[in-house]
Protein backbone atom coordinates (compact mmCIF):
# COMPACT_ATOMS: atom_id res chain seq x y z
CA UNK A 1 28.04 1.18 33.54
CA UNK A 2 30.70 0.33 31.00
CA UNK A 3 32.93 2.50 28.87
CA UNK A 4 34.56 1.33 25.68
CA UNK A 5 37.06 2.86 23.32
CA UNK A 6 36.49 2.57 19.61
CA UNK A 7 38.78 3.45 16.76
CA UNK A 8 37.66 6.41 14.67
CA UNK A 9 36.36 4.29 11.80
CA UNK A 10 34.19 2.11 14.04
CA UNK A 11 32.93 5.13 15.94
CA UNK A 12 32.00 6.89 12.69
CA UNK A 13 30.14 3.81 11.46
CA UNK A 14 28.31 3.53 14.76
CA UNK A 15 27.31 7.21 14.63
CA UNK A 16 26.05 6.94 11.05
CA UNK A 17 24.09 3.76 11.78
CA UNK A 18 22.55 5.20 14.96
CA UNK A 19 21.44 8.33 13.10
CA UNK A 20 20.04 6.37 10.17
CA UNK A 21 18.05 4.05 12.46
CA UNK A 22 17.16 6.85 14.87
CA UNK A 23 18.29 4.84 17.87
CA UNK A 24 20.94 5.19 20.54
CA UNK A 25 24.46 3.91 20.21
CA UNK A 26 24.01 2.08 23.51
CA UNK A 27 21.05 0.12 22.14
CA UNK A 28 23.02 -0.85 19.02
CA UNK A 29 25.93 -2.07 21.14
CA UNK A 30 23.60 -4.00 23.49
CA UNK A 31 21.88 -5.65 20.53
CA UNK A 32 25.22 -6.52 18.95
CA UNK A 33 26.45 -8.10 22.18
CA UNK A 34 23.23 -10.10 22.51
CA UNK A 35 23.69 -11.41 18.96
CA UNK A 36 27.30 -12.29 19.71
CA UNK A 37 26.38 -14.21 22.87
CA UNK A 38 23.62 -16.04 20.99
CA UNK A 39 26.13 -17.11 18.35
CA UNK A 40 28.45 -18.40 21.06
CA UNK A 41 25.61 -20.50 22.49
CA UNK A 42 24.84 -21.96 19.08
CA UNK A 43 28.50 -22.81 18.46
CA UNK A 44 28.76 -24.63 21.77
CA UNK A 45 25.67 -26.68 20.87
CA UNK A 46 26.92 -27.48 17.37
CA UNK A 47 27.78 -30.99 16.34
CA UNK A 48 31.27 -32.40 16.42
CA UNK A 49 32.86 -33.23 13.06
CA UNK A 50 32.16 -36.90 13.70
CA UNK A 51 28.50 -36.22 14.48
CA UNK A 52 28.19 -34.15 11.31
CA UNK A 53 29.41 -36.95 9.05
CA UNK A 54 28.30 -40.00 11.05
CA UNK A 55 25.51 -40.91 8.63
CA UNK A 56 27.99 -40.97 5.73
CA UNK A 57 30.74 -43.06 7.33
CA UNK A 58 30.80 -46.50 5.77
CA UNK A 59 27.87 -45.69 3.52
CA UNK A 60 29.77 -46.61 0.38
CA UNK A 61 31.82 -49.41 1.88
CA UNK A 62 33.72 -51.93 -0.16
CA UNK A 63 32.09 -54.82 1.69
CA UNK A 64 35.65 -55.98 2.49
CA UNK A 65 36.17 -55.81 6.24
CA UNK A 66 39.90 -56.49 6.13
CA UNK A 67 41.09 -53.48 4.12
CA UNK A 68 42.76 -51.80 7.08
CA UNK A 69 44.76 -54.89 7.99
CA UNK A 70 45.71 -56.18 4.53
CA UNK A 71 46.39 -52.90 2.73
CA UNK A 72 50.14 -53.58 2.40
CA UNK A 73 49.54 -56.92 0.71
CA UNK A 74 46.96 -55.42 -1.62
CA UNK A 75 49.27 -52.51 -2.49
CA UNK A 76 52.20 -54.85 -3.25
CA UNK A 77 49.96 -56.98 -5.47
CA UNK A 78 48.75 -53.94 -7.43
CA UNK A 79 52.30 -52.61 -7.86
CA UNK A 80 53.55 -56.00 -9.00
CA UNK A 81 50.71 -56.28 -11.51
CA UNK A 82 51.43 -52.80 -12.82
CA UNK A 83 55.16 -53.37 -13.14
CA UNK A 84 54.91 -56.86 -14.64
CA UNK A 85 53.53 -55.41 -17.89
CA UNK A 86 56.73 -53.45 -18.56
């Protein structure tokens, strides 16, 4: 046995829904809790951000494997080229 306290608005909504569906408030609350627990299970089984995007990582690569180590040199070169035209 469990007792819960609801604010007036939630209690009114529950009463209206129970009457319209001709079911008990207890059944509605049990069903809602079951849905909530099912959602929690699905969230815990969901993919990590890496797993979600894994198939896209590197898909449109530049074919230059040294970009992470030579980025400063490449940036300086681009800036020098841009500023040499002035």
